[in-house]
């Protein structure tokens, strides 16, 4: 079973989300979480030419940056 992991970051200034696949040149963005998930699925499908090479699992890793003063 093959999987791909996306690092998800929220844009603190404009809102929305950015996603980047770890180890692959796949990047996408969206204004909402639901839209981001659709965009990620579409980007993965477009990136892999062979249907057998498409990962069966797409894991989303949400990263939240906080600053403690």
PDB file of N, CA and C in Angstrom:
ATOM      1  N   UNK A   1       0.849  -1.168   0.000  1.00  0.00           N
ATOM      2  CA  UNK A   1       0.000   0.000   0.000  1.00  0.00           C
ATOM      3  C   UNK A   1       0.901   1.239   0.000  1.00  0.00           C
ATOM      4  N   UNK A   2       0.716   2.074  -0.962  1.00  0.00           N
ATOM      5  CA  UNK A   2       1.529   3.272  -1.119  1.00  0.00           C
ATOM      6  C   UNK A   2       0.761   4.480  -0.598  1.00  0.00           C
ATOM      7  N   UNK A   3       1.485   5.381   0.071  1.00  0.00           N
ATOM      8  CA  UNK A   3       0.836   6.591   0.570  1.00  0.00           C
ATOM      9  C   UNK A   3       1.676   7.814   0.234  1.00  0.00           C
ATOM     10  N   UNK A   4       1.022   8.965   0.277  1.00  0.00           N
ATOM     11  CA  UNK A   4       1.687  10.238   0.056  1.00  0.00           C
ATOM     12  C   UNK A   4       1.265  11.161   1.197  1.00  0.00           C
ATOM     13  N   UNK A   5       2.201  11.981   1.659  1.00  0.00           N
ATOM     14  CA  UNK A   5       1.937  12.874   2.789  1.00  0.00           C
ATOM     15  C   UNK A   5       2.014  14.321   2.316  1.00  0.00           C
ATOM     16  N   UNK A   6       0.988  15.084   2.659  1.00  0.00           N
ATOM     17  CA  UNK A   6       0.952  16.515   2.358  1.00  0.00           C
ATOM     18  C   UNK A   6       1.108  17.314   3.640  1.00  0.00           C
ATOM     19  N   UNK A   7       1.959  18.326   3.587  1.00  0.00           N
ATOM     20  CA  UNK A   7       2.091  19.274   4.681  1.00  0.00           C
ATOM     21  C   UNK A   7       1.142  20.434   4.392  1.00  0.00           C
ATOM     22  N   UNK A   8       0.251  20.707   5.318  1.00  0.00           N
ATOM     23  CA  UNK A   8      -0.768  21.752   5.149  1.00  0.00           C
ATOM     24  C   UNK A   8      -0.439  22.910   6.073  1.00  0.00           C
ATOM     25  N   UNK A   9      -0.397  24.107   5.509  1.00  0.00           N
ATOM     26  CA  UNK A   9      -0.169  25.322   6.294  1.00  0.00           C
ATOM     27  C   UNK A   9      -1.292  26.313   6.007  1.00  0.00           C
ATOM     28  N   UNK A  10      -1.739  26.979   7.062  1.00  0.00           N
ATOM     29  CA  UNK A  10      -2.770  27.999   6.918  1.00  0.00           C
ATOM     30  C   UNK A  10      -2.096  29.346   6.692  1.00  0.00           C
ATOM     31  N   UNK A  11      -2.659  30.125   5.775  1.00  0.00           N
ATOM     32  CA  UNK A  11      -2.135  31.469   5.506  1.00  0.00           C
ATOM     33  C   UNK A  11      -2.732  32.425   6.530  1.00  0.00           C
ATOM     34  N   UNK A  12      -1.898  32.884   7.454  1.00  0.00           N
ATOM     35  CA  UNK A  12      -2.371  33.754   8.541  1.00  0.00           C
ATOM     36  C   UNK A  12      -2.809  35.123   8.062  1.00  0.00           C
ATOM     37  N   UNK A  13      -2.254  35.591   6.956  1.00  0.00           N
ATOM     38  CA  UNK A  13      -2.549  36.947   6.482  1.00  0.00           C
ATOM     39  C   UNK A  13      -3.829  36.978   5.646  1.00  0.00           C
ATOM     40  N   UNK A  14      -3.892  36.172   4.602  1.00  0.00           N
ATOM     41  CA  UNK A  14      -5.027  36.205   3.674  1.00  0.00           C
ATOM     42  C   UNK A  14      -6.060  35.114   3.916  1.00  0.00           C
ATOM     43  N   UNK A  15      -5.785  34.181   4.811  1.00  0.00           N
ATOM     44  CA  UNK A  15      -6.663  33.047   5.008  1.00  0.00           C
ATOM     45  C   UNK A  15      -6.392  32.000   3.948  1.00  0.00           C
ATOM     46  N   UNK A  16      -7.059  30.886   4.039  1.00  0.00           N
ATOM     47  CA  UNK A  16      -6.859  29.819   3.077  1.00  0.00           C
ATOM     48  C   UNK A  16      -5.744  28.887   3.501  1.00  0.00           C
ATOM     49  N   UNK A  17      -5.428  27.940   2.629  1.00  0.00           N
ATOM     50  CA  UNK A  17      -4.479  26.893   2.949  1.00  0.00           C
ATOM     51  C   UNK A  17      -3.527  26.649   1.790  1.00  0.00           C
ATOM     52  N   UNK A  18      -2.312  26.210   2.132  1.00  0.00           N
ATOM     53  CA  UNK A  18      -1.315  25.788   1.159  1.00  0.00           C
ATOM     54  C   UNK A  18      -0.963  24.340   1.468  1.00  0.00           C
ATOM     55  N   UNK A  19      -0.804  23.513   0.438  1.00  0.00           N
ATOM     56  CA  UNK A  19      -0.442  22.109   0.621  1.00  0.00           C
ATOM     57  C   UNK A  19       0.722  21.755  -0.285  1.00  0.00           C
ATOM     58  N   UNK A  20       1.685  21.027   0.285  1.00  0.00           N
ATOM     59  CA  UNK A  20       2.843  20.552  -0.473  1.00  0.00           C
ATOM     60  C   UNK A  20       3.085  19.095  -0.124  1.00  0.00           C
ATOM     61  N   UNK A  21       3.270  18.265  -1.147  1.00  0.00           N
ATOM     62  CA  UNK A  21       3.549  16.848  -0.930  1.00  0.00           C
ATOM     63  C   UNK A  21       5.012  16.674  -0.558  1.00  0.00           C
ATOM     64  N   UNK A  22       5.280  15.889   0.465  1.00  0.00           N
ATOM     65  CA  UNK A  22       6.645  15.620   0.889  1.00  0.00           C
ATOM     66  C   UNK A  22       7.278  14.618  -0.071  1.00  0.00           C
ATOM     67  N   UNK A  23       8.383  15.023  -0.693  1.00  0.00           N
ATOM     68  CA  UNK A  23       9.094  14.138  -1.596  1.00  0.00           C
ATOM     69  C   UNK A  23       8.618  14.169  -3.033  1.00  0.00           C
ATOM     70  N   UNK A  24       7.606  14.967  -3.317  1.00  0.00           N
ATOM     71  CA  UNK A  24       7.059  15.093  -4.667  1.00  0.00           C
ATOM     72  C   UNK A  24       6.868  16.572  -4.986  1.00  0.00           C
ATOM     73  N   UNK A  25       6.859  16.905  -6.236  1.00  0.00           N
ATOM     74  CA  UNK A  25       6.642  18.287  -6.655  1.00  0.00           C
ATOM     75  C   UNK A  25       5.168  18.593  -6.849  1.00  0.00           C
ATOM     76  N   UNK A  26       4.378  18.318  -5.848  1.00  0.00           N
ATOM     77  CA  UNK A  26       2.937  18.558  -5.924  1.00  0.00           C
ATOM     78  C   UNK A  26       2.586  19.642  -4.917  1.00  0.00           C
ATOM     79  N   UNK A  27       1.987  20.724  -5.406  1.00  0.00           N
ATOM     80  CA  UNK A  27       1.602  21.849  -4.553  1.00  0.00           C
ATOM     81  C   UNK A  27       0.221  22.332  -4.995  1.00  0.00           C
ATOM     82  N   UNK A  28      -0.568  22.775  -4.033  1.00  0.00           N
ATOM     83  CA  UNK A  28      -1.872  23.346  -4.350  1.00  0.00           C
ATOM     84  C   UNK A  28      -2.290  24.263  -3.208  1.00  0.00           C
ATOM     85  N   UNK A  29      -3.348  25.017  -3.440  1.00  0.00           N
ATOM     86  CA  UNK A  29      -3.868  25.925  -2.418  1.00  0.00           C
ATOM     87  C   UNK A  29      -5.376  26.033  -2.574  1.00  0.00           C
ATOM     88  N   UNK A  30      -6.021  26.555  -1.528  1.00  0.00           N
ATOM     89  CA  UNK A  30      -7.478  26.712  -1.563  1.00  0.00           C
ATOM     90  C   UNK A  30      -7.908  27.659  -0.459  1.00  0.00           C
ATOM     91  N   UNK A  31      -9.142  28.128  -0.559  1.00  0.00           N
ATOM     92  CA  UNK A  31      -9.696  29.039   0.439  1.00  0.00           C
ATOM     93  C   UNK A  31     -10.322  28.307   1.618  1.00  0.00           C
ATOM     94  N   UNK A  32     -10.767  27.067   1.421  1.00  0.00           N
ATOM     95  CA  UNK A  32     -11.406  26.314   2.499  1.00  0.00           C
ATOM     96  C   UNK A  32     -10.794  24.920   2.598  1.00  0.00           C
ATOM     97  N   UNK A  33     -11.028  24.269   3.717  1.00  0.00           N
ATOM     98  CA  UNK A  33     -10.508  22.925   3.939  1.00  0.00           C
ATOM     99  C   UNK A  33     -11.105  21.933   2.943  1.00  0.00           C
ATOM    100  N   UNK A  34     -12.404  22.029   2.700  1.00  0.00           N
ATOM    101  CA  UNK A  34     -13.063  21.114   1.753  1.00  0.00           C
ATOM    102  C   UNK A  34     -12.521  21.304   0.338  1.00  0.00           C
ATOM    103  N   UNK A  35     -12.332  22.554  -0.067  1.00  0.00           N
ATOM    104  CA  UNK A  35     -11.787  22.839  -1.393  1.00  0.00           C
ATOM    105  C   UNK A  35     -10.349  22.331  -1.501  1.00  0.00           C
ATOM    106  N   UNK A  36      -9.589  22.479  -0.425  1.00  0.00           N
ATOM    107  CA  UNK A  36      -8.209  22.008  -0.423  1.00  0.00           C
ATOM    108  C   UNK A  36      -8.147  20.496  -0.635  1.00  0.00           C
ATOM    109  N   UNK A  37      -9.002  19.761   0.022  1.00  0.00           N
ATOM    110  CA  UNK A  37      -9.027  18.297  -0.130  1.00  0.00           C
ATOM    111  C   UNK A  37      -9.362  17.901  -1.565  1.00  0.00           C
ATOM    112  N   UNK A  38     -10.300  18.590  -2.175  1.00  0.00           N
ATOM    113  CA  UNK A  38     -10.616  18.312  -3.596  1.00  0.00           C
ATOM    114  C   UNK A  38      -9.419  18.626  -4.483  1.00  0.00           C
ATOM    115  N   UNK A  39      -8.763  19.761  -4.237  1.00  0.00           N
ATOM    116  CA  UNK A  39      -7.607  20.163  -5.037  1.00  0.00           C
ATOM    117  C   UNK A  39      -6.442  19.186  -4.876  1.00  0.00           C
ATOM    118  N   UNK A  40      -6.247  18.674  -3.667  1.00  0.00           N
ATOM    119  CA  UNK A  40      -5.177  17.701  -3.431  1.00  0.00           C
ATOM    120  C   UNK A  40      -5.442  16.422  -4.212  1.00  0.00           C
ATOM    121  N   UNK A  41      -6.660  15.913  -4.153  1.00  0.00           N
ATOM    122  CA  UNK A  41      -6.993  14.694  -4.911  1.00  0.00           C
ATOM    123  C   UNK A  41      -6.767  14.902  -6.411  1.00  0.00           C
ATOM    124  N   UNK A  42      -7.190  16.037  -6.923  1.00  0.00           N
ATOM    125  CA  UNK A  42      -7.018  16.339  -8.344  1.00  0.00           C
ATOM    126  C   UNK A  42      -5.533  16.458  -8.703  1.00  0.00           C
ATOM    127  N   UNK A  43      -4.754  17.117  -7.851  1.00  0.00           N
ATOM    128  CA  UNK A  43      -3.324  17.281  -8.113  1.00  0.00           C
ATOM    129  C   UNK A  43      -2.597  15.942  -8.113  1.00  0.00           C
ATOM    130  N   UNK A  44      -2.951  15.064  -7.183  1.00  0.00           N
ATOM    131  CA  UNK A  44      -2.336  13.727  -7.130  1.00  0.00           C
ATOM    132  C   UNK A  44      -2.691  12.940  -8.385  1.00  0.00           C
ATOM    133  N   UNK A  45      -3.951  12.968  -8.788  1.00  0.00           N
ATOM    134  CA  UNK A  45      -4.378  12.253  -9.995  1.00  0.00           C
ATOM    135  C   UNK A  45      -3.652  12.762 -11.237  1.00  0.00           C
ATOM    136  N   UNK A  46      -3.431  14.061 -11.310  1.00  0.00           N
ATOM    137  CA  UNK A  46      -2.740  14.642 -12.469  1.00  0.00           C
ATOM    138  C   UNK A  46      -1.246  14.350 -12.454  1.00  0.00           C
ATOM    139  N   UNK A  47      -0.648  14.254 -11.277  1.00  0.00           N
ATOM    140  CA  UNK A  47       0.792  14.065 -11.163  1.00  0.00           C
ATOM    141  C   UNK A  47       1.226  12.662 -11.596  1.00  0.00           C
ATOM    142  N   UNK A  48       0.457  11.648 -11.200  1.00  0.00           N
ATOM    143  CA  UNK A  48       0.814  10.263 -11.511  1.00  0.00           C
ATOM    144  C   UNK A  48       0.142   9.834 -12.805  1.00  0.00           C
ATOM    145  N   UNK A  49       0.969   9.488 -13.803  1.00  0.00           N
ATOM    146  CA  UNK A  49       0.450   9.100 -15.117  1.00  0.00           C
ATOM    147  C   UNK A  49      -0.194   7.726 -15.103  1.00  0.00           C
ATOM    148  N   UNK A  50       0.454   6.785 -14.454  1.00  0.00           N
ATOM    149  CA  UNK A  50      -0.017   5.404 -14.426  1.00  0.00           C
ATOM    150  C   UNK A  50      -0.993   5.220 -13.266  1.00  0.00           C
ATOM    151  N   UNK A  51      -2.163   4.699 -13.542  1.00  0.00           N
ATOM    152  CA  UNK A  51      -3.189   4.536 -12.509  1.00  0.00           C
ATOM    153  C   UNK A  51      -2.720   3.616 -11.383  1.00  0.00           C
ATOM    154  N   UNK A  52      -1.827   2.673 -11.704  1.00  0.00           N
ATOM    155  CA  UNK A  52      -1.319   1.759 -10.677  1.00  0.00           C
ATOM    156  C   UNK A  52      -0.325   2.430  -9.733  1.00  0.00           C
ATOM    157  N   UNK A  53       0.239   3.549 -10.132  1.00  0.00           N
ATOM    158  CA  UNK A  53       1.220   4.237  -9.288  1.00  0.00           C
ATOM    159  C   UNK A  53       0.591   5.300  -8.383  1.00  0.00           C
ATOM    160  N   UNK A  54      -0.697   5.572  -8.551  1.00  0.00           N
ATOM    161  CA  UNK A  54      -1.382   6.564  -7.702  1.00  0.00           C
ATOM    162  C   UNK A  54      -1.466   6.023  -6.271  1.00  0.00           C
ATOM    163  N   UNK A  55      -1.006   6.801  -5.292  1.00  0.00           N
ATOM    164  CA  UNK A  55      -1.059   6.344  -3.896  1.00  0.00           C
ATOM    165  C   UNK A  55      -2.491   6.052  -3.453  1.00  0.00           C
ATOM    166  N   UNK A  56      -2.617   4.987  -2.682  1.00  0.00           N
ATOM    167  CA  UNK A  56      -3.934   4.613  -2.176  1.00  0.00           C
ATOM    168  C   UNK A  56      -4.343   5.449  -0.963  1.00  0.00           C
ATOM    169  N   UNK A  57      -3.350   5.970  -0.255  1.00  0.00           N
ATOM    170  CA  UNK A  57      -3.623   6.769   0.939  1.00  0.00           C
ATOM    171  C   UNK A  57      -2.990   8.152   0.764  1.00  0.00           C
ATOM    172  N   UNK A  58      -3.783   9.186   1.027  1.00  0.00           N
ATOM    173  CA  UNK A  58      -3.283  10.563   1.045  1.00  0.00           C
ATOM    174  C   UNK A  58      -3.401  11.040   2.486  1.00  0.00           C
ATOM    175  N   UNK A  59      -2.252  11.259   3.107  1.00  0.00           N
ATOM    176  CA  UNK A  59      -2.225  11.691   4.511  1.00  0.00           C
ATOM    177  C   UNK A  59      -1.996  13.202   4.563  1.00  0.00           C
ATOM    178  N   UNK A  60      -2.797  13.886   5.375  1.00  0.00           N
ATOM    179  CA  UNK A  60      -2.679  15.337   5.522  1.00  0.00           C
ATOM    180  C   UNK A  60      -2.082  15.644   6.890  1.00  0.00           C
ATOM    181  N   UNK A  61      -0.974  16.372   6.884  1.00  0.00           N
ATOM    182  CA  UNK A  61      -0.290  16.762   8.115  1.00  0.00           C
ATOM    183  C   UNK A  61      -0.433  18.277   8.256  1.00  0.00           C
ATOM    184  N   UNK A  62      -1.289  18.697   9.207  1.00  0.00           N
ATOM    185  CA  UNK A  62      -1.528  20.126   9.426  1.00  0.00           C
ATOM    186  C   UNK A  62      -0.441  20.695  10.337  1.00  0.00           C
ATOM    187  N   UNK A  63       0.195  21.772   9.879  1.00  0.00           N
ATOM    188  CA  UNK A  63       1.266  22.433  10.624  1.00  0.00           C
ATOM    189  C   UNK A  63       0.754  23.791  11.087  1.00  0.00           C
ATOM    190  N   UNK A  64       0.894  24.044  12.365  1.00  0.00           N
ATOM    191  CA  UNK A  64       0.449  25.319  12.911  1.00  0.00           C
ATOM    192  C   UNK A  64       1.631  25.992  13.584  1.00  0.00           C
ATOM    193  N   UNK A  65       1.978  27.171  13.118  1.00  0.00           N
ATOM    194  CA  UNK A  65       3.065  27.947  13.698  1.00  0.00           C
ATOM    195  C   UNK A  65       2.510  28.867  14.775  1.00  0.00           C
ATOM    196  N   UNK A  66       3.114  28.821  15.957  1.00  0.00           N
ATOM    197  CA  UNK A  66       2.720  29.715  17.039  1.00  0.00           C
ATOM    198  C   UNK A  66       3.961  30.376  17.587  1.00  0.00           C
ATOM    199  N   UNK A  67       3.812  31.612  18.005  1.00  0.00           N
ATOM    200  CA  UNK A  67       4.900  32.341  18.629  1.00  0.00           C
ATOM    201  C   UNK A  67       4.507  32.665  20.053  1.00  0.00           C
ATOM    202  N   UNK A  68       5.355  32.258  20.979  1.00  0.00           N
ATOM    203  CA  UNK A  68       5.131  32.578  22.383  1.00  0.00           C
ATOM    204  C   UNK A  68       6.048  33.721  22.752  1.00  0.00           C
ATOM    205  N   UNK A  69       5.472  34.795  23.253  1.00  0.00           N
ATOM    206  CA  UNK A  69       6.282  35.964  23.632  1.00  0.00           C
ATOM    207  C   UNK A  69       6.727  35.871  25.071  1.00  0.00           C
TER     208      UNK A  69
END
